[in-house]
Protein backbone atom coordinates (compact mmCIF):
# COMPACT_ATOMS: atom_id res chain seq x y z
CA MET A 1 127.70 63.27 130.66
CA SER A 2 129.28 59.70 131.38
CA ARG A 3 127.43 56.90 131.08
CA ARG A 4 127.88 55.94 134.42
CA LEU A 5 126.11 59.14 135.89
CA GLN A 6 123.65 58.76 133.24
CA LYS A 7 122.50 55.41 134.32
CA PHE A 8 123.07 56.87 138.05
CA VAL A 9 120.62 59.78 137.18
CA SER A 10 117.99 57.33 135.27
CA VAL A 11 117.73 55.41 138.34
CA ILE A 12 117.04 58.37 140.56
CA GLN A 13 114.64 59.81 137.95
CA ASN A 14 112.74 56.54 137.88
CA LEU A 15 112.25 56.44 141.53
CA ARG A 16 111.64 59.54 142.35
CA GLY A 17 111.04 61.75 139.51
CA ASP A 18 114.03 63.95 139.91
CA GLU A 19 115.84 65.89 137.59
CA LEU A 20 119.59 66.74 137.02
CA ASN A 21 121.10 70.15 136.75
CA ARG A 22 125.01 70.08 136.33
CA LEU A 23 126.59 73.42 137.66
CA SER A 24 130.02 72.45 137.04
CA PRO A 25 132.00 69.21 136.22
CA SER A 26 132.19 68.72 140.34
CA ALA A 27 128.83 70.32 141.39
CA ILE A 28 125.57 68.94 140.39
CA VAL A 29 121.85 69.38 141.58
CA ILE A 30 119.40 66.02 141.39
CA GLY A 31 116.25 66.94 142.37
CA ARG A 32 116.30 69.15 145.54
CA LYS A 33 119.95 67.90 146.53
CA LEU A 34 122.93 69.35 146.03
CA TRP A 35 126.42 67.41 145.62
CA THR A 36 129.88 68.11 144.91
CA GLU A 37 132.70 65.65 144.09
CA ASN A 38 134.91 64.78 147.02
CA ALA A 39 138.10 66.30 146.66
CA VAL A 40 139.55 64.19 149.56
CA PRO A 41 137.67 60.59 149.10
CA GLY A 42 136.35 59.16 152.35
CA CYS A 43 136.54 62.36 154.49
CA ARG A 44 133.67 63.89 155.74
CA VAL A 45 133.58 67.63 157.12
CA ARG A 46 130.23 67.66 159.12
CA GLY A 47 128.95 64.28 158.74
CA GLU A 48 127.43 64.78 155.17
CA GLY A 49 126.21 61.88 153.25
CA LEU A 50 128.31 60.39 150.68
CA ARG A 51 127.42 58.63 147.45
CA LYS A 52 129.45 56.93 144.75
CA MET A 53 128.59 58.08 141.08
CA GLU A 54 130.71 58.56 137.89
CA GLY A 55 133.67 56.75 139.27
CA GLY A 56 133.89 59.41 142.03
CA GLU A 57 132.52 60.07 145.50
CA TRP A 58 130.08 62.83 146.04
CA ARG A 59 129.35 64.85 149.28
CA ASN A 60 125.84 66.14 149.84
CA TRP A 61 125.71 70.00 150.26
CA SER A 62 123.05 70.64 152.72
CA PRO A 63 121.18 74.08 152.82
CA ARG A 64 120.97 73.43 156.54
CA HIS A 65 124.60 73.97 157.02
CA SER A 66 125.18 76.31 154.12
CA LYS A 67 123.70 79.39 153.46
CA LEU A 68 125.56 79.33 149.67
CA ALA A 69 124.03 75.86 149.18
CA ALA A 70 120.62 77.32 150.34
CA GLY A 71 120.94 80.06 148.01
CA ILE A 72 121.74 77.90 144.90
CA LEU A 73 118.76 75.56 145.71
CA ARG A 74 116.30 78.54 146.13
CA THR A 75 117.54 80.80 143.25
CA LYS A 76 115.66 82.23 140.58
CA GLN A 77 119.11 83.09 138.44
CA ASP A 78 121.13 80.64 136.83
CA PRO A 79 122.37 78.73 140.10
CA GLU A 80 125.95 78.38 138.37
CA LEU A 81 126.12 82.13 138.79
CA LEU A 82 126.39 81.79 142.22
CA LEU A 83 129.72 79.78 142.27
CA PRO A 84 133.16 80.85 141.85
CA LEU A 85 134.80 79.83 138.20
CA GLN A 86 136.57 76.77 138.65
CA GLY A 87 140.38 77.31 138.99
CA SER A 88 139.71 81.15 140.01
CA GLN A 89 140.78 83.05 142.76
CA ALA A 90 138.18 83.66 145.41
CA LEU A 91 137.41 85.59 148.75
CA TYR A 92 135.32 84.18 151.42
CA LEU A 93 134.63 86.52 154.18
CA GLY A 94 133.36 85.07 157.68
CA ALA A 95 134.63 81.44 156.73
CA GLY A 96 133.20 79.84 159.85
CA HIS A 97 134.61 76.12 160.53
CA GLY A 98 134.76 75.54 156.82
CA THR A 99 131.67 73.43 155.83
CA THR A 100 130.95 75.71 152.74
CA VAL A 101 134.57 76.38 152.23
CA SER A 102 135.09 72.61 151.50
CA HIS A 103 132.36 72.20 148.93
CA ILE A 104 133.44 75.35 147.23
CA HIS A 105 136.97 73.76 147.25
CA ASP A 106 135.42 70.51 145.81
CA HIS A 107 134.11 72.81 142.91
CA MET A 108 136.91 75.19 142.15
CA CYS A 109 139.93 73.04 143.03
CA GLY A 110 139.36 69.47 142.99
CA VAL A 111 141.48 66.74 144.18
CA SER A 112 145.10 68.03 144.86
CA ASN A 113 144.10 71.39 143.54
CA GLN A 114 144.07 70.05 140.01
CA HIS A 115 142.09 73.16 138.91
CA GLY A 116 144.55 75.54 140.42
CA GLY A 117 142.25 77.43 142.32
CA SER A 118 142.62 79.63 145.43
CA LEU A 119 140.09 80.17 147.87
CA ILE A 120 141.21 82.78 150.54
CA ALA A 121 139.04 81.86 153.75
CA VAL A 122 139.06 84.76 156.15
CA ASP A 123 137.77 84.72 159.91
CA ILE A 124 138.21 86.65 163.34
CA SER A 125 137.92 83.67 165.36
CA PRO A 126 140.76 81.43 166.12
CA ARG A 127 138.72 78.57 167.16
CA CYS A 128 137.23 78.73 163.44
CA MET A 129 140.96 79.16 162.15
CA ARG A 130 142.28 76.15 163.64
CA ASP A 131 139.34 74.07 162.11
CA LEU A 132 140.16 75.92 158.66
CA VAL A 133 143.96 75.27 159.04
CA THR A 134 143.24 71.30 159.56
CA LEU A 135 140.89 71.57 156.53
CA ALA A 136 143.44 73.08 154.38
CA LYS A 137 146.15 70.49 155.05
CA LYS A 138 143.89 68.00 153.52
CA ARG A 139 142.77 70.41 150.90
CA PRO A 140 145.56 72.16 149.12
CA GLY A 141 144.18 75.71 147.33
CA ILE A 142 142.42 76.73 150.55
CA PHE A 143 144.34 79.70 152.29
CA PRO A 144 142.73 80.34 156.04
CA VAL A 145 143.78 83.85 156.97
CA LEU A 146 143.05 85.08 160.31
CA ALA A 147 141.71 88.74 160.25
CA ASP A 148 139.28 91.28 160.82
CA VAL A 149 137.13 92.09 157.85
CA ARG A 150 136.97 95.50 159.25
CA ASN A 151 140.42 96.12 158.32
CA PRO A 152 140.43 95.13 154.44
CA GLU A 153 144.09 96.08 153.88
CA SER A 154 145.01 93.31 156.20
CA LEU A 155 143.83 90.87 153.53
CA ARG A 156 146.24 92.42 150.63
CA PRO A 157 149.24 89.98 151.22
CA TRP A 158 146.99 87.07 150.47
CA LEU A 159 145.62 88.12 147.33
CA ASN A 160 146.90 88.05 143.74
CA GLY A 161 145.39 91.10 142.43
CA ARG A 162 141.37 91.38 142.49
CA VAL A 163 138.91 88.49 142.52
CA ASN A 164 135.70 87.98 140.41
CA TRP A 165 134.02 86.35 143.50
CA ILE A 166 133.30 87.62 147.09
CA PHE A 167 131.09 85.84 149.42
CA GLN A 168 130.41 87.64 152.95
CA ASP A 169 128.75 85.86 155.96
CA VAL A 170 129.55 88.01 158.83
CA SER A 171 127.22 88.49 161.74
CA GLN A 172 127.96 91.79 163.15
CA ALA A 173 126.68 95.17 162.90
CA GLY A 174 127.31 97.20 159.65
CA GLN A 175 127.35 94.08 157.38
CA VAL A 176 126.54 96.12 154.08
CA GLU A 177 129.37 98.72 154.88
CA LEU A 178 131.71 96.13 155.53
CA PHE A 179 130.95 94.23 152.30
CA LEU A 180 131.24 97.42 150.09
CA GLU A 181 134.64 98.25 151.61
CA ALA A 182 135.95 94.83 150.97
CA ALA A 183 134.08 94.71 147.64
CA LYS A 184 136.01 98.42 146.80
CA HIS A 185 139.52 96.94 147.48
CA TYR A 186 139.28 93.31 146.05
CA LEU A 187 136.57 92.59 143.69
CA ALA A 188 137.18 92.64 139.79
CA PRO A 189 134.90 94.65 137.50
CA GLN A 190 131.90 92.59 136.99
CA GLY A 191 132.49 90.37 139.40
CA ILE A 192 129.76 88.41 141.48
CA ALA A 193 129.42 89.77 145.02
CA LEU A 194 127.23 87.53 147.31
CA LEU A 195 126.11 89.08 150.75
CA SER A 196 124.56 86.85 153.43
CA LEU A 197 122.36 89.40 155.54
CA LYS A 198 121.42 88.42 158.91
CA SER A 199 118.48 90.59 160.04
CA ALA A 200 119.21 89.90 163.81
CA SER A 201 122.63 91.55 163.92
CA GLU A 202 121.24 94.91 162.96
CA ARG A 203 119.16 97.41 164.18
CA ILE A 204 116.01 96.63 162.25
CA ALA A 205 113.62 99.80 161.54
CA ALA A 206 109.74 99.24 161.86
CA GLY A 207 109.30 97.87 158.36
CA GLY A 208 110.93 94.83 159.85
CA ALA A 209 113.66 92.20 158.15
CA ASP A 210 112.26 92.37 154.37
CA GLU A 211 112.66 96.28 154.36
CA HIS A 212 115.92 95.72 155.91
CA TYR A 213 117.17 93.38 152.94
CA GLU A 214 115.38 95.88 150.48
CA SER A 215 117.29 98.76 152.09
CA ALA A 216 120.75 96.62 152.01
CA ALA A 217 120.02 96.08 148.18
CA ASN A 218 119.52 99.91 147.50
CA ALA A 219 122.98 100.77 149.24
CA LEU A 220 124.57 98.43 146.89
CA GLN A 221 122.68 99.96 144.01
CA SER A 222 123.70 103.19 145.08
CA SER A 223 127.41 102.03 144.98
CA GLY A 224 127.02 101.27 141.29
CA PHE A 225 126.21 97.38 141.90
CA ASP A 226 123.61 95.73 139.74
CA VAL A 227 121.56 93.70 142.61
CA LEU A 228 120.52 90.46 140.43
CA GLU A 229 118.06 88.94 143.22
CA ILE A 230 117.45 88.73 147.04
CA ILE A 231 116.97 85.39 148.13
CA GLN A 232 115.17 84.57 151.23
CA LEU A 233 116.41 81.53 153.24
CA LYS A 234 113.67 81.34 155.66
CA GLY A 235 112.88 77.48 156.21
CA TRP A 236 116.84 76.58 155.89
CA GLU A 237 118.09 79.92 157.86
CA GLU A 238 116.07 81.80 159.52
CA GLN A 239 116.33 85.67 159.51
CA HIS A 240 118.64 85.58 156.64
CA ALA A 241 118.52 86.70 152.84
CA LEU A 242 121.41 86.18 150.37
CA ILE A 243 121.58 89.26 148.13
CA VAL A 244 123.38 88.58 144.82
CA ALA A 245 124.73 91.37 143.08
CA ARG A 246 127.33 92.18 140.19
CA SER A 247 130.03 95.04 140.55
CA PRO A 248 130.32 98.04 138.18
CA LYS A 249 132.15 97.73 134.94
CA SER A 250 135.00 99.82 136.30
CA SER A 251 136.49 99.38 139.76
CA ALA A 252 136.34 101.97 142.04
């Protein structure tokens, strides 16, 4: 840790008793706040707070605007596990308007994509795609793809082989089946699979949302996945859970 960051953290800890957890060179948790180093200094994506430290500019990654951020702050696992590797290729299904995508880009690509990362951001909405295209113009390494995740073959031209990290946030029925099909096509053996599950998008049995999340986890396990955790996002994202899993040792 640099002297500047040590000094900054020391001040924060003295004032608030917060501790620092570095997830990567460009992603840190201070207390209960998550920050990524801004790959486009001076630019906000969703009105997030900015802070100068360690000779750079850092963006607050709010768990109220990002299910992945909520999962990172609430996980009982090593939170670094929930992030793609810096400089790797990652697949984001249901990328929306790009808030979470931008923070992942900070971490895995950096300024002018200095780390050589590749983030394939897929969404079916033309409105979201316009925002993603605008974002990608300032952030090399983001590749917006207008596609329907129900047709995973349509993504093949955009991917260089299999990826080690897939995140899905699709609010429609059959979320688990869509996720398994995408993983079958594109997730590497022992890759990390993150499924943001919205109970309101499915027909819930008598057991309610918790039983629905358990049922989804069981479906992943039946397909050979090692389910590491079911993270309840209540308080930040109602009727949502984030399932963290690792793919089988050999791909389908």
